[in-house]
PDB file of N, CA and C in Angstrom:
ATOM      1  N   MET A   1     -24.537 -16.967   4.461  1.00  0.00           N
ATOM      2  CA  MET A   1     -23.847 -15.765   4.897  1.00  0.00           C
ATOM      3  C   MET A   1     -22.375 -16.012   5.227  1.00  0.00           C
ATOM      4  N   ARG A   2     -21.956 -17.269   5.309  1.00  0.00           N
ATOM      5  CA  ARG A   2     -20.574 -17.559   5.646  1.00  0.00           C
ATOM      6  C   ARG A   2     -19.617 -17.125   4.534  1.00  0.00           C
ATOM      7  N   GLY A   3     -20.084 -17.086   3.307  1.00  0.00           N
ATOM      8  CA  GLY A   3     -19.220 -16.775   2.175  1.00  0.00           C
ATOM      9  C   GLY A   3     -18.629 -15.382   2.205  1.00  0.00           C
ATOM     10  N   TRP A   4     -19.413 -14.379   2.540  1.00  0.00           N
ATOM     11  CA  TRP A   4     -18.900 -13.011   2.512  1.00  0.00           C
ATOM     12  C   TRP A   4     -17.888 -12.780   3.623  1.00  0.00           C
ATOM     13  N   ARG A   5     -18.035 -13.488   4.737  1.00  0.00           N
ATOM     14  CA  ARG A   5     -17.081 -13.321   5.840  1.00  0.00           C
ATOM     15  C   ARG A   5     -15.714 -13.873   5.458  1.00  0.00           C
ATOM     16  N   SER A   6     -15.717 -15.014   4.820  1.00  0.00           N
ATOM     17  CA  SER A   6     -14.429 -15.587   4.421  1.00  0.00           C
ATOM     18  C   SER A   6     -13.783 -14.735   3.332  1.00  0.00           C
ATOM     19  N   LYS A   7     -14.587 -14.186   2.437  1.00  0.00           N
ATOM     20  CA  LYS A   7     -14.032 -13.309   1.398  1.00  0.00           C
ATOM     21  C   LYS A   7     -13.456 -12.042   2.023  1.00  0.00           C
ATOM     22  N   MET A   8     -14.155 -11.498   3.017  1.00  0.00           N
ATOM     23  CA  MET A   8     -13.666 -10.300   3.693  1.00  0.00           C
ATOM     24  C   MET A   8     -12.348 -10.596   4.405  1.00  0.00           C
ATOM     25  N   LEU A   9     -12.239 -11.750   5.014  1.00  0.00           N
ATOM     26  CA  LEU A   9     -11.005 -12.144   5.682  1.00  0.00           C
ATOM     27  C   LEU A   9      -9.861 -12.257   4.681  1.00  0.00           C
ATOM     28  N   VAL A  10     -10.112 -12.844   3.541  1.00  0.00           N
ATOM     29  CA  VAL A  10      -9.087 -12.964   2.500  1.00  0.00           C
ATOM     30  C   VAL A  10      -8.659 -11.589   2.012  1.00  0.00           C
ATOM     31  N   VAL A  11      -9.619 -10.696   1.818  1.00  0.00           N
ATOM     32  CA  VAL A  11      -9.292  -9.336   1.371  1.00  0.00           C
ATOM     33  C   VAL A  11      -8.424  -8.632   2.408  1.00  0.00           C
ATOM     34  N   LEU A  12      -8.757  -8.758   3.676  1.00  0.00           N
ATOM     35  CA  LEU A  12      -7.959  -8.118   4.717  1.00  0.00           C
ATOM     36  C   LEU A  12      -6.554  -8.697   4.801  1.00  0.00           C
ATOM     37  N   VAL A  13      -6.435 -10.003   4.688  1.00  0.00           N
ATOM     38  CA  VAL A  13      -5.112 -10.631   4.708  1.00  0.00           C
ATOM     39  C   VAL A  13      -4.283 -10.142   3.531  1.00  0.00           C
ATOM     40  N   MET A  14      -4.879 -10.077   2.349  1.00  0.00           N
ATOM     41  CA  MET A  14      -4.155  -9.602   1.166  1.00  0.00           C
ATOM     42  C   MET A  14      -3.751  -8.137   1.327  1.00  0.00           C
ATOM     43  N   TYR A  15      -4.633  -7.329   1.889  1.00  0.00           N
ATOM     44  CA  TYR A  15      -4.336  -5.906   2.099  1.00  0.00           C
ATOM     45  C   TYR A  15      -3.114  -5.752   3.002  1.00  0.00           C
ATOM     46  N   PHE A  16      -3.127  -6.430   4.139  1.00  0.00           N
ATOM     47  CA  PHE A  16      -2.015  -6.296   5.076  1.00  0.00           C
ATOM     48  C   PHE A  16      -0.743  -6.943   4.548  1.00  0.00           C
ATOM     49  N   ALA A  17      -0.864  -7.977   3.754  1.00  0.00           N
ATOM     50  CA  ALA A  17       0.319  -8.567   3.131  1.00  0.00           C
ATOM     51  C   ALA A  17       0.942  -7.575   2.147  1.00  0.00           C
ATOM     52  N   GLY A  18       0.118  -6.891   1.397  1.00  0.00           N
ATOM     53  CA  GLY A  18       0.625  -5.874   0.476  1.00  0.00           C
ATOM     54  C   GLY A  18       1.280  -4.723   1.209  1.00  0.00           C
ATOM     55  N   PHE A  19       0.677  -4.315   2.310  1.00  0.00           N
ATOM     56  CA  PHE A  19       1.249  -3.235   3.104  1.00  0.00           C
ATOM     57  C   PHE A  19       2.600  -3.655   3.681  1.00  0.00           C
ATOM     58  N   ALA A  20       2.685  -4.876   4.197  1.00  0.00           N
ATOM     59  CA  ALA A  20       3.951  -5.369   4.739  1.00  0.00           C
ATOM     60  C   ALA A  20       5.006  -5.463   3.642  1.00  0.00           C
ATOM     61  N   THR A  21       4.612  -5.857   2.450  1.00  0.00           N
ATOM     62  CA  THR A  21       5.547  -5.929   1.329  1.00  0.00           C
ATOM     63  C   THR A  21       6.070  -4.542   0.976  1.00  0.00           C
ATOM     64  N   ALA A  22       5.201  -3.553   0.994  1.00  0.00           N
ATOM     65  CA  ALA A  22       5.625  -2.180   0.697  1.00  0.00           C
ATOM     66  C   ALA A  22       6.628  -1.690   1.734  1.00  0.00           C
ATOM     67  N   ILE A  23       6.379  -1.954   2.994  1.00  0.00           N
ATOM     68  CA  ILE A  23       7.306  -1.543   4.043  1.00  0.00           C
ATOM     69  C   ILE A  23       8.643  -2.271   3.881  1.00  0.00           C
ATOM     70  N   TYR A  24       8.593  -3.549   3.569  1.00  0.00           N
ATOM     71  CA  TYR A  24       9.819  -4.323   3.370  1.00  0.00           C
ATOM     72  C   TYR A  24      10.615  -3.783   2.185  1.00  0.00           C
ATOM     73  N   THR A  25       9.936  -3.371   1.126  1.00  0.00           N
ATOM     74  CA  THR A  25      10.601  -2.847  -0.058  1.00  0.00           C
ATOM     75  C   THR A  25      11.270  -1.505   0.228  1.00  0.00           C
ATOM     76  N   ILE A  26      10.649  -0.687   1.030  1.00  0.00           N
ATOM     77  CA  ILE A  26      11.184   0.637   1.333  1.00  0.00           C
ATOM     78  C   ILE A  26      12.363   0.555   2.303  1.00  0.00           C
ATOM     79  N   ALA A  27      12.353  -0.415   3.203  1.00  0.00           N
ATOM     80  CA  ALA A  27      13.382  -0.532   4.238  1.00  0.00           C
ATOM     81  C   ALA A  27      14.747  -0.826   3.624  1.00  0.00           C
ATOM     82  N   PRO A  28      15.811  -0.297   4.225  1.00  0.00           N
ATOM     83  CA  PRO A  28      17.156  -0.602   3.728  1.00  0.00           C
ATOM     84  C   PRO A  28      17.493  -2.074   3.943  1.00  0.00           C
ATOM     85  N   SER A  29      18.361  -2.610   3.088  1.00  0.00           N
ATOM     86  CA  SER A  29      18.658  -4.039   3.131  1.00  0.00           C
ATOM     87  C   SER A  29      19.562  -4.438   4.288  1.00  0.00           C
ATOM     88  N   ASN A  30      20.456  -3.542   4.723  1.00  0.00           N
ATOM     89  CA  ASN A  30      21.318  -3.855   5.863  1.00  0.00           C
ATOM     90  C   ASN A  30      21.692  -2.580   6.609  1.00  0.00           C
ATOM     91  N   ALA A  31      22.342  -2.729   7.744  1.00  0.00           N
ATOM     92  CA  ALA A  31      22.659  -1.573   8.587  1.00  0.00           C
ATOM     93  C   ALA A  31      23.679  -0.650   7.932  1.00  0.00           C
ATOM     94  N   SER A  32      24.631  -1.197   7.197  1.00  0.00           N
ATOM     95  CA  SER A  32      25.649  -0.343   6.578  1.00  0.00           C
ATOM     96  C   SER A  32      25.040   0.533   5.485  1.00  0.00           C
ATOM     97  N   ALA A  33      24.063   0.014   4.759  1.00  0.00           N
ATOM     98  CA  ALA A  33      23.409   0.819   3.730  1.00  0.00           C
ATOM     99  C   ALA A  33      22.605   1.935   4.371  1.00  0.00           C
ATOM    100  N   ALA A  34      21.970   1.663   5.488  1.00  0.00           N
ATOM    101  CA  ALA A  34      21.190   2.689   6.185  1.00  0.00           C
ATOM    102  C   ALA A  34      22.111   3.738   6.777  1.00  0.00           C
ATOM    103  N   GLY A  35      23.244   3.325   7.326  1.00  0.00           N
ATOM    104  CA  GLY A  35      24.161   4.269   7.942  1.00  0.00           C
ATOM    105  C   GLY A  35      24.906   5.112   6.929  1.00  0.00           C
ATOM    106  N   SER A  36      25.198   4.567   5.767  1.00  0.00           N
ATOM    107  CA  SER A  36      25.973   5.305   4.776  1.00  0.00           C
ATOM    108  C   SER A  36      25.222   6.505   4.234  1.00  0.00           C
ATOM    109  N   ALA A  37      23.928   6.482   4.254  1.00  0.00           N
ATOM    110  CA  ALA A  37      23.146   7.606   3.745  1.00  0.00           C
ATOM    111  C   ALA A  37      23.296   8.820   4.647  1.00  0.00           C
ATOM    112  N   TYR A  38      23.563   8.603   5.918  1.00  0.00           N
ATOM    113  CA  TYR A  38      23.616   9.709   6.864  1.00  0.00           C
ATOM    114  C   TYR A  38      25.032  10.193   7.138  1.00  0.00           C
ATOM    115  N   VAL A  39      26.028   9.538   6.573  1.00  0.00           N
ATOM    116  CA  VAL A  39      27.415   9.941   6.768  1.00  0.00           C
ATOM    117  C   VAL A  39      27.824  10.989   5.745  1.00  0.00           C
ATOM    118  N   SER A  40      27.272  10.924   4.571  1.00  0.00           N
ATOM    119  CA  SER A  40      27.675  11.781   3.464  1.00  0.00           C
ATOM    120  C   SER A  40      27.271  13.236   3.703  1.00  0.00           C
ATOM    121  N   ASP A  41      28.196  14.168   3.430  1.00  0.00           N
ATOM    122  CA  ASP A  41      27.902  15.593   3.522  1.00  0.00           C
ATOM    123  C   ASP A  41      27.763  16.221   2.144  1.00  0.00           C
ATOM    124  N   GLU A  42      27.749  15.396   1.117  1.00  0.00           N
ATOM    125  CA  GLU A  42      27.646  15.901  -0.250  1.00  0.00           C
ATOM    126  C   GLU A  42      26.210  16.298  -0.550  1.00  0.00           C
ATOM    127  N   GLY A  43      25.956  16.678  -1.802  1.00  0.00           N
ATOM    128  CA  GLY A  43      24.619  17.081  -2.219  1.00  0.00           C
ATOM    129  C   GLY A  43      23.588  15.976  -2.100  1.00  0.00           C
ATOM    130  N   GLY A  44      23.997  14.720  -2.157  1.00  0.00           N
ATOM    131  CA  GLY A  44      23.077  13.598  -2.055  1.00  0.00           C
ATOM    132  C   GLY A  44      22.917  13.138  -0.619  1.00  0.00           C
ATOM    133  N   GLY A  45      22.830  14.081   0.311  1.00  0.00           N
ATOM    134  CA  GLY A  45      22.733  13.761   1.729  1.00  0.00           C
ATOM    135  C   GLY A  45      21.383  13.192   2.117  1.00  0.00           C
ATOM    136  N   PRO A  46      21.174  13.054   3.398  1.00  0.00           N
ATOM    137  CA  PRO A  46      19.958  12.403   3.887  1.00  0.00           C
ATOM    138  C   PRO A  46      18.679  13.140   3.525  1.00  0.00           C
ATOM    139  N   SER A  47      18.730  14.475   3.484  1.00  0.00           N
ATOM    140  CA  SER A  47      17.491  15.197   3.189  1.00  0.00           C
ATOM    141  C   SER A  47      17.045  14.965   1.749  1.00  0.00           C
ATOM    142  N   SER A  48      17.986  14.901   0.807  1.00  0.00           N
ATOM    143  CA  SER A  48      17.579  14.666  -0.578  1.00  0.00           C
ATOM    144  C   SER A  48      17.103  13.227  -0.766  1.00  0.00           C
ATOM    145  N   GLN A  49      17.735  12.278  -0.083  1.00  0.00           N
ATOM    146  CA  GLN A  49      17.279  10.897  -0.168  1.00  0.00           C
ATOM    147  C   GLN A  49      15.920  10.738   0.495  1.00  0.00           C
ATOM    148  N   ALA A  50      15.726  11.410   1.602  1.00  0.00           N
ATOM    149  CA  ALA A  50      14.432  11.354   2.288  1.00  0.00           C
ATOM    150  C   ALA A  50      13.351  11.972   1.407  1.00  0.00           C
ATOM    151  N   ASP A  51      13.693  13.045   0.721  1.00  0.00           N
ATOM    152  CA  ASP A  51      12.731  13.673  -0.182  1.00  0.00           C
ATOM    153  C   ASP A  51      12.371  12.747  -1.337  1.00  0.00           C
ATOM    154  N   GLN A  52      13.366  12.053  -1.869  1.00  0.00           N
ATOM    155  CA  GLN A  52      13.105  11.113  -2.960  1.00  0.00           C
ATOM    156  C   GLN A  52      12.208   9.973  -2.497  1.00  0.00           C
ATOM    157  N   ILE A  53      12.475   9.459  -1.318  1.00  0.00           N
ATOM    158  CA  ILE A  53      11.637   8.383  -0.778  1.00  0.00           C
ATOM    159  C   ILE A  53      10.223   8.893  -0.537  1.00  0.00           C
ATOM    160  N   ALA A  54      10.112  10.107  -0.010  1.00  0.00           N
ATOM    161  CA  ALA A  54       8.790  10.678   0.252  1.00  0.00           C
ATOM    162  C   ALA A  54       7.992  10.841  -1.037  1.00  0.00           C
ATOM    163  N   VAL A  55       8.647  11.257  -2.099  1.00  0.00           N
ATOM    164  CA  VAL A  55       7.963  11.418  -3.387  1.00  0.00           C
ATOM    165  C   VAL A  55       7.506  10.062  -3.913  1.00  0.00           C
ATOM    166  N   LYS A  56       8.360   9.050  -3.798  1.00  0.00           N
ATOM    167  CA  LYS A  56       7.992   7.705  -4.262  1.00  0.00           C
ATOM    168  C   LYS A  56       6.824   7.150  -3.461  1.00  0.00           C
ATOM    169  N   VAL A  57       6.862   7.344  -2.143  1.00  0.00           N
ATOM    170  CA  VAL A  57       5.771   6.847  -1.298  1.00  0.00           C
ATOM    171  C   VAL A  57       4.477   7.577  -1.625  1.00  0.00           C
ATOM    172  N   LYS A  58       4.553   8.887  -1.793  1.00  0.00           N
ATOM    173  CA  LYS A  58       3.350   9.660  -2.106  1.00  0.00           C
ATOM    174  C   LYS A  58       2.758   9.221  -3.444  1.00  0.00           C
ATOM    175  N   THR A  59       3.599   9.007  -4.444  1.00  0.00           N
ATOM    176  CA  THR A  59       3.130   8.551  -5.748  1.00  0.00           C
ATOM    177  C   THR A  59       2.480   7.176  -5.646  1.00  0.00           C
ATOM    178  N   GLY A  60       3.131   6.278  -4.921  1.00  0.00           N
ATOM    179  CA  GLY A  60       2.583   4.938  -4.746  1.00  0.00           C
ATOM    180  C   GLY A  60       1.258   4.948  -3.997  1.00  0.00           C
ATOM    181  N   MET A  61       1.166   5.767  -2.964  1.00  0.00           N
ATOM    182  CA  MET A  61      -0.080   5.842  -2.197  1.00  0.00           C
ATOM    183  C   MET A  61      -1.196   6.453  -3.035  1.00  0.00           C
ATOM    184  N   THR A  62      -0.879   7.436  -3.855  1.00  0.00           N
ATOM    185  CA  THR A  62      -1.887   8.031  -4.721  1.00  0.00           C
ATOM    186  C   THR A  62      -2.422   6.998  -5.707  1.00  0.00           C
ATOM    187  N   LYS A  63      -1.520   6.221  -6.300  1.00  0.00           N
ATOM    188  CA  LYS A  63      -1.943   5.154  -7.214  1.00  0.00           C
ATOM    189  C   LYS A  63      -2.797   4.129  -6.484  1.00  0.00           C
ATOM    190  N   PHE A  64      -2.370   3.759  -5.263  1.00  0.00           N
ATOM    191  CA  PHE A  64      -3.118   2.782  -4.483  1.00  0.00           C
ATOM    192  C   PHE A  64      -4.510   3.297  -4.156  1.00  0.00           C
ATOM    193  N   PHE A  65      -4.626   4.551  -3.734  1.00  0.00           N
ATOM    194  CA  PHE A  65      -5.931   5.095  -3.375  1.00  0.00           C
ATOM    195  C   PHE A  65      -6.869   5.159  -4.572  1.00  0.00           C
ATOM    196  N   SER A  66      -6.359   5.520  -5.746  1.00  0.00           N
ATOM    197  CA  SER A  66      -7.221   5.552  -6.926  1.00  0.00           C
ATOM    198  C   SER A  66      -7.664   4.145  -7.315  1.00  0.00           C
ATOM    199  N   PHE A  67      -6.747   3.178  -7.222  1.00  0.00           N
ATOM    200  CA  PHE A  67      -7.081   1.782  -7.506  1.00  0.00           C
ATOM    201  C   PHE A  67      -8.120   1.266  -6.510  1.00  0.00           C
ATOM    202  N   ALA A  68      -7.896   1.542  -5.223  1.00  0.00           N
ATOM    203  CA  ALA A  68      -8.821   1.085  -4.185  1.00  0.00           C
ATOM    204  C   ALA A  68     -10.195   1.722  -4.354  1.00  0.00           C
ATOM    205  N   GLU A  69     -10.235   2.986  -4.730  1.00  0.00           N
ATOM    206  CA  GLU A  69     -11.519   3.664  -4.932  1.00  0.00           C
ATOM    207  C   GLU A  69     -12.308   3.000  -6.059  1.00  0.00           C
ATOM    208  N   GLU A  70     -11.627   2.667  -7.144  1.00  0.00           N
ATOM    209  CA  GLU A  70     -12.298   1.991  -8.261  1.00  0.00           C
ATOM    210  C   GLU A  70     -12.846   0.629  -7.830  1.00  0.00           C
ATOM    211  N   LYS A  71     -12.034  -0.133  -7.111  1.00  0.00           N
ATOM    212  CA  LYS A  71     -12.449  -1.478  -6.684  1.00  0.00           C
ATOM    213  C   LYS A  71     -13.574  -1.422  -5.659  1.00  0.00           C
ATOM    214  N   ILE A  72     -13.547  -0.447  -4.758  1.00  0.00           N
ATOM    215  CA  ILE A  72     -14.607  -0.318  -3.764  1.00  0.00           C
ATOM    216  C   ILE A  72     -15.914   0.069  -4.433  1.00  0.00           C
ATOM    217  N   THR A  73     -15.842   0.941  -5.416  1.00  0.00           N
ATOM    218  CA  THR A  73     -17.047   1.323  -6.154  1.00  0.00           C
ATOM    219  C   THR A  73     -17.635   0.104  -6.865  1.00  0.00           C
ATOM    220  N   HIS A  74     -16.773  -0.671  -7.500  1.00  0.00           N
ATOM    221  CA  HIS A  74     -17.219  -1.880  -8.192  1.00  0.00           C
ATOM    222  C   HIS A  74     -17.828  -2.877  -7.200  1.00  0.00           C
ATOM    223  N   ALA A  75     -17.160  -3.074  -6.079  1.00  0.00           N
ATOM    224  CA  ALA A  75     -17.665  -4.011  -5.070  1.00  0.00           C
ATOM    225  C   ALA A  75     -19.001  -3.535  -4.510  1.00  0.00           C
ATOM    226  N   GLY A  76     -19.153  -2.247  -4.307  1.00  0.00           N
ATOM    227  CA  GLY A  76     -20.417  -1.701  -3.826  1.00  0.00           C
ATOM    228  C   GLY A  76     -21.553  -1.959  -4.797  1.00  0.00           C
ATOM    229  N   ASN A  77     -21.270  -1.807  -6.084  1.00  0.00           N
ATOM    230  CA  ASN A  77     -22.294  -2.074  -7.099  1.00  0.00           C
ATOM    231  C   ASN A  77     -22.678  -3.548  -7.133  1.00  0.00           C
ATOM    232  N   VAL A  78     -21.695  -4.425  -7.007  1.00  0.00           N
ATOM    233  CA  VAL A  78     -21.974  -5.864  -6.991  1.00  0.00           C
ATOM    234  C   VAL A  78     -22.818  -6.222  -5.771  1.00  0.00           C
ATOM    235  N   ILE A  79     -22.478  -5.669  -4.618  1.00  0.00           N
ATOM    236  CA  ILE A  79     -23.243  -5.948  -3.401  1.00  0.00           C
ATOM    237  C   ILE A  79     -24.674  -5.438  -3.527  1.00  0.00           C
ATOM    238  N   LYS A  80     -24.846  -4.252  -4.100  1.00  0.00           N
ATOM    239  CA  LYS A  80     -26.204  -3.712  -4.297  1.00  0.00           C
ATOM    240  C   LYS A  80     -27.025  -4.622  -5.201  1.00  0.00           C
ATOM    241  N   LYS A  81     -26.397  -5.126  -6.280  1.00  0.00           N
ATOM    242  CA  LYS A  81     -27.105  -6.041  -7.192  1.00  0.00           C
ATOM    243  C   LYS A  81     -27.504  -7.332  -6.480  1.00  0.00           C
ATOM    244  N   LYS A  82     -26.589  -7.880  -5.693  1.00  0.00           N
ATOM    245  CA  LYS A  82     -26.869  -9.126  -4.973  1.00  0.00           C
ATOM    246  C   LYS A  82     -27.985  -8.904  -3.942  1.00  0.00           C
ATOM    247  N   MET A  83     -27.970  -7.773  -3.280  1.00  0.00           N
ATOM    248  CA  MET A  83     -29.013  -7.482  -2.301  1.00  0.00           C
ATOM    249  C   MET A  83     -30.371  -7.309  -2.991  1.00  0.00           C
ATOM    250  N   ALA A  84     -30.373  -6.679  -4.159  1.00  0.00           N
ATOM    251  CA  ALA A  84     -31.617  -6.480  -4.916  1.00  0.00           C
ATOM    252  C   ALA A  84     -32.159  -7.823  -5.402  1.00  0.00           C
ATOM    253  N   GLU A  85     -31.265  -8.709  -5.808  1.00  0.00           N
ATOM    254  CA  GLU A  85     -31.700 -10.038  -6.277  1.00  0.00           C
ATOM    255  C   GLU A  85     -32.271 -10.877  -5.150  1.00  0.00           C
ATOM    256  N   SER A  86     -31.726 -10.751  -3.954  1.00  0.00           N
ATOM    257  CA  SER A  86     -32.191 -11.577  -2.839  1.00  0.00           C
ATOM    258  C   SER A  86     -33.525 -11.096  -2.281  1.00  0.00           C
ATOM    259  N   ASP A  87     -33.883  -9.837  -2.519  1.00  0.00           N
ATOM    260  CA  ASP A  87     -35.174  -9.312  -2.018  1.00  0.00           C
ATOM    261  C   ASP A  87     -36.324  -9.714  -2.837  1.00  0.00           C
TER     262      ASP A  87
END
């Protein structure tokens, strides 16, 4: 039974590493880049940039959820097979 616990730990570490990478990718690289977005009064102001980021995040999360759903379904089937074999 030790095997599934270590695999679960690896999966959780990978999940949170991916989440941290996504947050790091979305974050601005320095303070001047973050501040410059809010100084502009032109059409490309903060609301349009925020909307663009929101659309990108929503698209990425939708892709992630569909991918995760497929993998969870597959993992559930594998676990059911293993449980049936052990009985």
